[in-house]
Amino acid sequence: MVPNAEERLESHLAASPQTREEWDSTQKLKNDPRITSTGKFLRKSSLDELPQLWNVLTGDMSLVGPRPMMENQESLYPGTAYYALRPGVTGSWQVSDRNETTFAGRAKFDTEYYYSLSLATDLKILARTVNVVLRATGH
């Protein structure tokens, strides 16, 4: 992240209604002004997720589960499955159309995962994660 990342984000969003709409809908930006060129590489390659393995080892996260969200995003999340599951490094949303869905759309993926919870489901998601990482389709 660049210095003064939050201020830079707010300035960027204020300058462009389309960008503000993208942020409000997805809580992500295709061209995020806070991310350095090194950060873009780490994010695209999903190498930025490696530190999360520590959280798995300490029991704070699971390998597979809903994507963690910030506390200030809770009001944007319409579902309840997230709260019944341990957050995961990867999950249904990450291996599907994560870059094409709204933030609220994540709830659908989390609910589907909750109702199909099994070792087989987790193994399928882990296999698909390898494919996503190898294709470098992360954002």
N, C-alpha and C. Protein backbone atom coordinates (compact mmCIF):
# COMPACT_ATOMS: atom_id res chain seq x y z
N MET A 1 0.83 -1.18 0.00
CA MET A 1 0.00 0.00 0.00
C MET A 1 0.88 1.24 0.00
N VAL A 2 0.36 2.25 -0.64
CA VAL A 2 1.07 3.52 -0.68
C VAL A 2 0.84 4.28 0.62
N PRO A 3 1.71 5.24 0.95
CA PRO A 3 1.45 6.08 2.13
C PRO A 3 0.14 6.82 1.96
N ASN A 4 -0.54 7.08 3.06
CA ASN A 4 -1.83 7.79 3.05
C ASN A 4 -2.85 7.10 2.16
N ALA A 5 -2.90 5.78 2.23
CA ALA A 5 -3.75 4.98 1.34
C ALA A 5 -5.22 5.36 1.45
N GLU A 6 -5.74 5.50 2.65
CA GLU A 6 -7.16 5.80 2.80
C GLU A 6 -7.51 7.18 2.24
N GLU A 7 -6.65 8.16 2.48
CA GLU A 7 -6.88 9.49 1.94
C GLU A 7 -6.85 9.46 0.41
N ARG A 8 -5.91 8.70 -0.13
CA ARG A 8 -5.80 8.58 -1.59
C ARG A 8 -7.05 7.91 -2.16
N LEU A 9 -7.55 6.90 -1.48
CA LEU A 9 -8.78 6.24 -1.93
C LEU A 9 -9.94 7.21 -1.94
N GLU A 10 -10.14 7.93 -0.85
CA GLU A 10 -11.26 8.87 -0.78
C GLU A 10 -11.17 9.94 -1.86
N SER A 11 -9.97 10.44 -2.11
CA SER A 11 -9.78 11.44 -3.16
C SER A 11 -10.11 10.85 -4.53
N HIS A 12 -9.66 9.63 -4.76
CA HIS A 12 -9.91 8.94 -6.03
C HIS A 12 -11.41 8.71 -6.24
N LEU A 13 -12.10 8.30 -5.18
CA LEU A 13 -13.54 8.05 -5.28
C LEU A 13 -14.33 9.34 -5.48
N ALA A 14 -13.88 10.41 -4.84
CA ALA A 14 -14.57 11.70 -4.98
C ALA A 14 -14.43 12.27 -6.39
N ALA A 15 -13.34 11.92 -7.07
CA ALA A 15 -13.08 12.46 -8.41
C ALA A 15 -13.83 11.73 -9.52
N SER A 16 -14.39 10.55 -9.22
CA SER A 16 -15.02 9.77 -10.28
C SER A 16 -16.27 9.06 -9.77
N PRO A 17 -17.44 9.49 -10.24
CA PRO A 17 -18.68 8.82 -9.82
C PRO A 17 -18.72 7.34 -10.22
N GLN A 18 -18.13 7.00 -11.37
CA GLN A 18 -18.12 5.61 -11.80
C GLN A 18 -17.27 4.75 -10.85
N THR A 19 -16.14 5.31 -10.44
CA THR A 19 -15.28 4.59 -9.51
C THR A 19 -15.97 4.45 -8.16
N ARG A 20 -16.64 5.48 -7.71
CA ARG A 20 -17.39 5.43 -6.45
C ARG A 20 -18.44 4.33 -6.52
N GLU A 21 -19.13 4.24 -7.65
CA GLU A 21 -20.16 3.20 -7.82
C GLU A 21 -19.53 1.81 -7.78
N GLU A 22 -18.38 1.64 -8.45
CA GLU A 22 -17.67 0.36 -8.43
C GLU A 22 -17.30 -0.02 -7.00
N TRP A 23 -16.76 0.93 -6.24
CA TRP A 23 -16.36 0.68 -4.85
C TRP A 23 -17.57 0.34 -3.98
N ASP A 24 -18.63 1.13 -4.11
CA ASP A 24 -19.82 0.89 -3.28
C ASP A 24 -20.43 -0.47 -3.56
N SER A 25 -20.36 -0.92 -4.80
CA SER A 25 -20.95 -2.20 -5.18
C SER A 25 -20.08 -3.40 -4.81
N THR A 26 -18.78 -3.28 -5.05
CA THR A 26 -17.91 -4.45 -4.91
C THR A 26 -16.93 -4.39 -3.74
N GLN A 27 -16.73 -3.19 -3.19
CA GLN A 27 -15.70 -2.97 -2.17
C GLN A 27 -14.31 -3.30 -2.70
N LYS A 28 -14.16 -3.22 -4.02
CA LYS A 28 -12.89 -3.44 -4.70
C LYS A 28 -12.83 -2.48 -5.88
N LEU A 29 -11.61 -2.22 -6.34
CA LEU A 29 -11.42 -1.41 -7.54
C LEU A 29 -10.49 -2.15 -8.49
N LYS A 30 -10.85 -2.15 -9.76
CA LYS A 30 -9.98 -2.79 -10.74
C LYS A 30 -8.64 -2.05 -10.83
N ASN A 31 -8.67 -0.73 -10.66
CA ASN A 31 -7.44 0.09 -10.67
C ASN A 31 -7.37 0.85 -9.35
N ASP A 32 -6.93 0.17 -8.32
CA ASP A 32 -6.90 0.74 -6.97
C ASP A 32 -5.66 1.62 -6.80
N PRO A 33 -5.84 2.92 -6.51
CA PRO A 33 -4.71 3.83 -6.40
C PRO A 33 -3.85 3.60 -5.15
N ARG A 34 -4.32 2.76 -4.26
CA ARG A 34 -3.57 2.50 -3.02
C ARG A 34 -2.50 1.43 -3.19
N ILE A 35 -2.57 0.69 -4.29
CA ILE A 35 -1.70 -0.48 -4.48
C ILE A 35 -0.47 -0.10 -5.30
N THR A 36 0.70 -0.45 -4.78
CA THR A 36 1.95 -0.21 -5.50
C THR A 36 2.10 -1.24 -6.62
N SER A 37 3.07 -1.06 -7.50
CA SER A 37 3.28 -2.03 -8.58
C SER A 37 3.68 -3.40 -8.01
N THR A 38 4.46 -3.40 -6.95
CA THR A 38 4.81 -4.67 -6.29
C THR A 38 3.55 -5.30 -5.70
N GLY A 39 2.73 -4.49 -5.09
CA GLY A 39 1.48 -4.97 -4.52
C GLY A 39 0.55 -5.55 -5.57
N LYS A 40 0.52 -4.93 -6.75
CA LYS A 40 -0.31 -5.44 -7.85
C LYS A 40 0.15 -6.84 -8.26
N PHE A 41 1.48 -7.01 -8.33
CA PHE A 41 2.00 -8.34 -8.66
C PHE A 41 1.64 -9.35 -7.57
N LEU A 42 1.84 -8.98 -6.32
CA LEU A 42 1.53 -9.89 -5.22
C LEU A 42 0.05 -10.26 -5.21
N ARG A 43 -0.80 -9.30 -5.48
CA ARG A 43 -2.24 -9.55 -5.48
C ARG A 43 -2.64 -10.42 -6.66
N LYS A 44 -2.13 -10.10 -7.84
CA LYS A 44 -2.49 -10.86 -9.04
C LYS A 44 -2.03 -12.31 -8.93
N SER A 45 -0.85 -12.52 -8.34
CA SER A 45 -0.31 -13.87 -8.19
C SER A 45 -0.84 -14.58 -6.95
N SER A 46 -1.61 -13.88 -6.14
CA SER A 46 -2.16 -14.38 -4.87
C SER A 46 -1.08 -14.66 -3.82
N LEU A 47 0.13 -14.20 -4.06
CA LEU A 47 1.19 -14.35 -3.05
C LEU A 47 0.88 -13.54 -1.79
N ASP A 48 0.03 -12.52 -1.92
CA ASP A 48 -0.34 -11.73 -0.75
C ASP A 48 -1.17 -12.54 0.25
N GLU A 49 -1.63 -13.70 -0.15
CA GLU A 49 -2.43 -14.55 0.74
C GLU A 49 -1.57 -15.47 1.61
N LEU A 50 -0.30 -15.64 1.28
CA LEU A 50 0.55 -16.56 2.03
C LEU A 50 0.60 -16.27 3.53
N PRO A 51 0.67 -15.00 3.97
CA PRO A 51 0.68 -14.76 5.41
C PRO A 51 -0.58 -15.28 6.13
N GLN A 52 -1.67 -15.45 5.38
CA GLN A 52 -2.90 -15.97 6.00
C GLN A 52 -2.72 -17.40 6.49
N LEU A 53 -1.74 -18.11 5.96
CA LEU A 53 -1.50 -19.48 6.42
C LEU A 53 -1.14 -19.49 7.91
N TRP A 54 -0.53 -18.43 8.40
CA TRP A 54 -0.26 -18.33 9.83
C TRP A 54 -1.58 -18.35 10.61
N ASN A 55 -2.57 -17.61 10.09
CA ASN A 55 -3.88 -17.58 10.74
C ASN A 55 -4.55 -18.94 10.73
N VAL A 56 -4.29 -19.73 9.70
CA VAL A 56 -4.81 -21.11 9.64
C VAL A 56 -4.14 -21.94 10.73
N LEU A 57 -2.83 -21.81 10.84
CA LEU A 57 -2.08 -22.58 11.84
C LEU A 57 -2.49 -22.22 13.27
N THR A 58 -2.84 -20.96 13.51
CA THR A 58 -3.25 -20.55 14.85
C THR A 58 -4.74 -20.79 15.12
N GLY A 59 -5.47 -21.26 14.10
CA GLY A 59 -6.88 -21.59 14.28
C GLY A 59 -7.84 -20.43 14.08
N ASP A 60 -7.32 -19.27 13.68
CA ASP A 60 -8.20 -18.12 13.45
C ASP A 60 -8.93 -18.19 12.12
N MET A 61 -8.36 -18.97 11.18
CA MET A 61 -8.96 -19.13 9.87
C MET A 61 -8.91 -20.59 9.47
N SER A 62 -9.65 -20.90 8.44
CA SER A 62 -9.65 -22.23 7.84
C SER A 62 -9.02 -22.09 6.44
N LEU A 63 -8.59 -23.20 5.87
CA LEU A 63 -8.11 -23.12 4.49
C LEU A 63 -9.25 -22.72 3.56
N VAL A 64 -10.43 -23.31 3.79
CA VAL A 64 -11.59 -23.03 2.94
C VAL A 64 -12.71 -22.46 3.82
N GLY A 65 -13.32 -21.40 3.34
CA GLY A 65 -14.42 -20.76 4.06
C GLY A 65 -14.73 -19.42 3.42
N PRO A 66 -15.64 -18.67 3.99
CA PRO A 66 -15.96 -17.36 3.42
C PRO A 66 -14.78 -16.40 3.57
N ARG A 67 -14.67 -15.50 2.65
CA ARG A 67 -13.60 -14.51 2.69
C ARG A 67 -13.79 -13.59 3.88
N PRO A 68 -12.72 -13.32 4.66
CA PRO A 68 -12.88 -12.38 5.78
C PRO A 68 -13.32 -11.01 5.29
N MET A 69 -14.07 -10.32 6.11
CA MET A 69 -14.48 -8.97 5.74
C MET A 69 -14.12 -8.02 6.88
N MET A 70 -14.04 -6.76 6.54
CA MET A 70 -13.75 -5.72 7.52
C MET A 70 -15.02 -5.45 8.32
N GLU A 71 -14.85 -4.99 9.55
CA GLU A 71 -16.01 -4.68 10.39
C GLU A 71 -16.92 -3.64 9.74
N ASN A 72 -16.33 -2.67 9.06
CA ASN A 72 -17.15 -1.62 8.43
C ASN A 72 -17.90 -2.13 7.21
N GLN A 73 -17.69 -3.38 6.80
CA GLN A 73 -18.39 -3.95 5.66
C GLN A 73 -19.59 -4.80 6.09
N GLU A 74 -19.72 -5.07 7.37
CA GLU A 74 -20.78 -5.96 7.85
C GLU A 74 -22.18 -5.50 7.44
N SER A 75 -22.41 -4.19 7.42
CA SER A 75 -23.74 -3.69 7.06
C SER A 75 -24.04 -3.91 5.57
N LEU A 76 -23.01 -4.16 4.76
CA LEU A 76 -23.19 -4.40 3.33
C LEU A 76 -23.48 -5.86 3.02
N TYR A 77 -23.31 -6.72 4.00
CA TYR A 77 -23.41 -8.17 3.81
C TYR A 77 -24.80 -8.65 4.23
N PRO A 78 -25.62 -9.14 3.29
CA PRO A 78 -27.00 -9.48 3.61
C PRO A 78 -27.21 -10.89 4.18
N GLY A 79 -26.22 -11.73 4.18
CA GLY A 79 -26.42 -13.11 4.59
C GLY A 79 -26.04 -13.37 6.04
N THR A 80 -26.21 -14.64 6.44
CA THR A 80 -25.85 -15.04 7.80
C THR A 80 -24.83 -16.18 7.81
N ALA A 81 -24.60 -16.83 6.67
CA ALA A 81 -23.69 -17.98 6.62
C ALA A 81 -22.28 -17.58 7.06
N TYR A 82 -21.86 -16.38 6.70
CA TYR A 82 -20.52 -15.92 7.06
C TYR A 82 -20.28 -16.06 8.55
N TYR A 83 -21.28 -15.71 9.34
CA TYR A 83 -21.14 -15.70 10.79
C TYR A 83 -21.17 -17.09 11.41
N ALA A 84 -21.59 -18.08 10.65
CA ALA A 84 -21.64 -19.46 11.14
C ALA A 84 -20.39 -20.25 10.76
N LEU A 85 -19.51 -19.65 9.97
CA LEU A 85 -18.34 -20.35 9.45
C LEU A 85 -17.06 -19.62 9.85
N ARG A 86 -15.97 -20.34 9.89
CA ARG A 86 -14.67 -19.72 10.12
C ARG A 86 -14.20 -19.15 8.77
N PRO A 87 -13.71 -17.91 8.75
CA PRO A 87 -13.22 -17.34 7.49
C PRO A 87 -12.11 -18.20 6.91
N GLY A 88 -12.01 -18.20 5.57
CA GLY A 88 -11.04 -19.04 4.90
C GLY A 88 -10.09 -18.28 4.00
N VAL A 89 -8.95 -18.89 3.74
CA VAL A 89 -7.98 -18.33 2.82
C VAL A 89 -8.54 -18.37 1.40
N THR A 90 -9.28 -19.43 1.10
CA THR A 90 -9.94 -19.54 -0.19
C THR A 90 -11.37 -20.02 0.05
N GLY A 91 -12.19 -19.89 -0.96
CA GLY A 91 -13.58 -20.32 -0.83
C GLY A 91 -14.30 -20.25 -2.16
N SER A 92 -15.59 -20.49 -2.12
CA SER A 92 -16.41 -20.52 -3.34
C SER A 92 -16.31 -19.22 -4.13
N TRP A 93 -16.39 -18.11 -3.44
CA TRP A 93 -16.36 -16.81 -4.11
C TRP A 93 -15.02 -16.58 -4.80
N GLN A 94 -13.93 -16.96 -4.15
CA GLN A 94 -12.61 -16.72 -4.72
C GLN A 94 -12.35 -17.51 -5.99
N VAL A 95 -12.99 -18.66 -6.13
CA VAL A 95 -12.73 -19.49 -7.31
C VAL A 95 -13.83 -19.39 -8.35
N SER A 96 -14.74 -18.46 -8.15
CA SER A 96 -15.83 -18.29 -9.11
C SER A 96 -15.70 -16.94 -9.80
N ASP A 97 -16.75 -16.17 -9.77
CA ASP A 97 -16.74 -14.88 -10.47
C ASP A 97 -16.49 -13.72 -9.53
N ARG A 98 -15.53 -13.89 -8.63
CA ARG A 98 -15.28 -12.91 -7.59
C ARG A 98 -15.04 -11.50 -8.10
N ASN A 99 -14.49 -11.38 -9.28
CA ASN A 99 -14.22 -10.06 -9.80
C ASN A 99 -15.40 -9.48 -10.58
N GLU A 100 -16.45 -10.25 -10.69
CA GLU A 100 -17.60 -9.82 -11.47
C GLU A 100 -18.87 -9.72 -10.63
N THR A 101 -18.78 -9.94 -9.35
CA THR A 101 -19.97 -9.91 -8.51
C THR A 101 -19.89 -8.77 -7.51
N THR A 102 -21.01 -8.42 -6.94
CA THR A 102 -21.04 -7.38 -5.93
C THR A 102 -20.56 -7.95 -4.60
N PHE A 103 -20.25 -7.05 -3.70
CA PHE A 103 -19.85 -7.47 -2.36
C PHE A 103 -20.98 -8.26 -1.71
N ALA A 104 -22.19 -7.76 -1.85
CA ALA A 104 -23.36 -8.45 -1.29
C ALA A 104 -23.55 -9.82 -1.93
N GLY A 105 -23.13 -9.96 -3.20
CA GLY A 105 -23.25 -11.25 -3.89
C GLY A 105 -22.42 -12.35 -3.24
N ARG A 106 -21.43 -11.96 -2.46
CA ARG A 106 -20.64 -12.95 -1.74
C ARG A 106 -21.52 -13.80 -0.83
N ALA A 107 -22.58 -13.22 -0.32
CA ALA A 107 -23.46 -13.94 0.61
C ALA A 107 -24.04 -15.19 -0.05
N LYS A 108 -24.34 -15.11 -1.33
CA LYS A 108 -24.87 -16.27 -2.05
C LYS A 108 -23.85 -17.41 -2.05
N PHE A 109 -22.61 -17.08 -2.34
CA PHE A 109 -21.56 -18.10 -2.34
C PHE A 109 -21.36 -18.69 -0.94
N ASP A 110 -21.37 -17.83 0.07
CA ASP A 110 -21.19 -18.30 1.43
C ASP A 110 -22.34 -19.21 1.86
N THR A 111 -23.55 -18.87 1.47
CA THR A 111 -24.72 -19.68 1.82
C THR A 111 -24.66 -21.04 1.11
N GLU A 112 -24.31 -21.02 -0.17
CA GLU A 112 -24.18 -22.29 -0.90
C GLU A 112 -23.10 -23.17 -0.28
N TYR A 113 -22.00 -22.56 0.11
CA TYR A 113 -20.91 -23.31 0.75
C TYR A 113 -21.40 -23.90 2.08
N TYR A 114 -22.09 -23.10 2.85
CA TYR A 114 -22.60 -23.54 4.16
C TYR A 114 -23.47 -24.80 4.01
N TYR A 115 -24.35 -24.81 3.02
CA TYR A 115 -25.26 -25.94 2.84
C TYR A 115 -24.63 -27.13 2.12
N SER A 116 -23.45 -26.94 1.54
CA SER A 116 -22.77 -28.06 0.87
C SER A 116 -21.47 -28.43 1.59
N LEU A 117 -21.34 -28.00 2.82
CA LEU A 117 -20.13 -28.20 3.60
C LEU A 117 -19.76 -29.68 3.69
N SER A 118 -18.58 -30.01 3.17
CA SER A 118 -18.09 -31.38 3.23
C SER A 118 -16.61 -31.38 2.85
N LEU A 119 -15.94 -32.46 3.15
CA LEU A 119 -14.55 -32.60 2.74
C LEU A 119 -14.43 -32.56 1.22
N ALA A 120 -15.37 -33.21 0.54
CA ALA A 120 -15.34 -33.22 -0.93
C ALA A 120 -15.47 -31.81 -1.49
N THR A 121 -16.36 -31.01 -0.92
CA THR A 121 -16.52 -29.62 -1.37
C THR A 121 -15.23 -28.85 -1.16
N ASP A 122 -14.63 -29.01 0.01
CA ASP A 122 -13.38 -28.31 0.30
C ASP A 122 -12.27 -28.72 -0.66
N LEU A 123 -12.19 -30.00 -0.95
CA LEU A 123 -11.15 -30.47 -1.88
C LEU A 123 -11.36 -29.91 -3.28
N LYS A 124 -12.62 -29.82 -3.72
CA LYS A 124 -12.91 -29.23 -5.04
C LYS A 124 -12.50 -27.75 -5.07
N ILE A 125 -12.81 -27.04 -4.00
CA ILE A 125 -12.46 -25.62 -3.94
C ILE A 125 -10.94 -25.45 -3.91
N LEU A 126 -10.25 -26.29 -3.16
CA LEU A 126 -8.79 -26.21 -3.12
C LEU A 126 -8.18 -26.49 -4.49
N ALA A 127 -8.72 -27.47 -5.21
CA ALA A 127 -8.23 -27.77 -6.56
C ALA A 127 -8.48 -26.59 -7.50
N ARG A 128 -9.66 -25.99 -7.41
CA ARG A 128 -9.97 -24.84 -8.25
C ARG A 128 -9.10 -23.64 -7.88
N THR A 129 -8.73 -23.54 -6.61
CA THR A 129 -7.85 -22.46 -6.16
C THR A 129 -6.49 -22.55 -6.85
N VAL A 130 -5.97 -23.75 -6.95
CA VAL A 130 -4.68 -23.94 -7.64
C VAL A 130 -4.79 -23.41 -9.07
N ASN A 131 -5.89 -23.71 -9.72
CA ASN A 131 -6.11 -23.24 -11.10
C ASN A 131 -6.16 -21.70 -11.16
N VAL A 132 -6.87 -21.09 -10.23
CA VAL A 132 -6.98 -19.63 -10.20
C VAL A 132 -5.61 -19.00 -9.97
N VAL A 133 -4.84 -19.57 -9.06
CA VAL A 133 -3.51 -19.04 -8.77
C VAL A 133 -2.59 -19.20 -9.98
N LEU A 134 -2.61 -20.35 -10.61
CA LEU A 134 -1.75 -20.59 -11.77
C LEU A 134 -2.10 -19.69 -12.95
N ARG A 135 -3.38 -19.38 -13.09
CA ARG A 135 -3.80 -18.47 -14.17
C ARG A 135 -3.62 -17.01 -13.80
N ALA A 136 -3.30 -16.75 -12.52
CA ALA A 136 -3.10 -15.39 -12.01
C ALA A 136 -4.30 -14.51 -12.29
N THR A 137 -5.47 -14.99 -11.92
CA THR A 137 -6.69 -14.20 -12.13
C THR A 137 -7.13 -13.48 -10.88
N GLY A 138 -6.29 -13.45 -9.87
CA GLY A 138 -6.64 -12.77 -8.63
C GLY A 138 -6.59 -11.25 -8.76
N HIS A 139 -7.34 -10.58 -7.89
CA HIS A 139 -7.32 -9.10 -7.82
C HIS A 139 -7.31 -8.70 -6.38
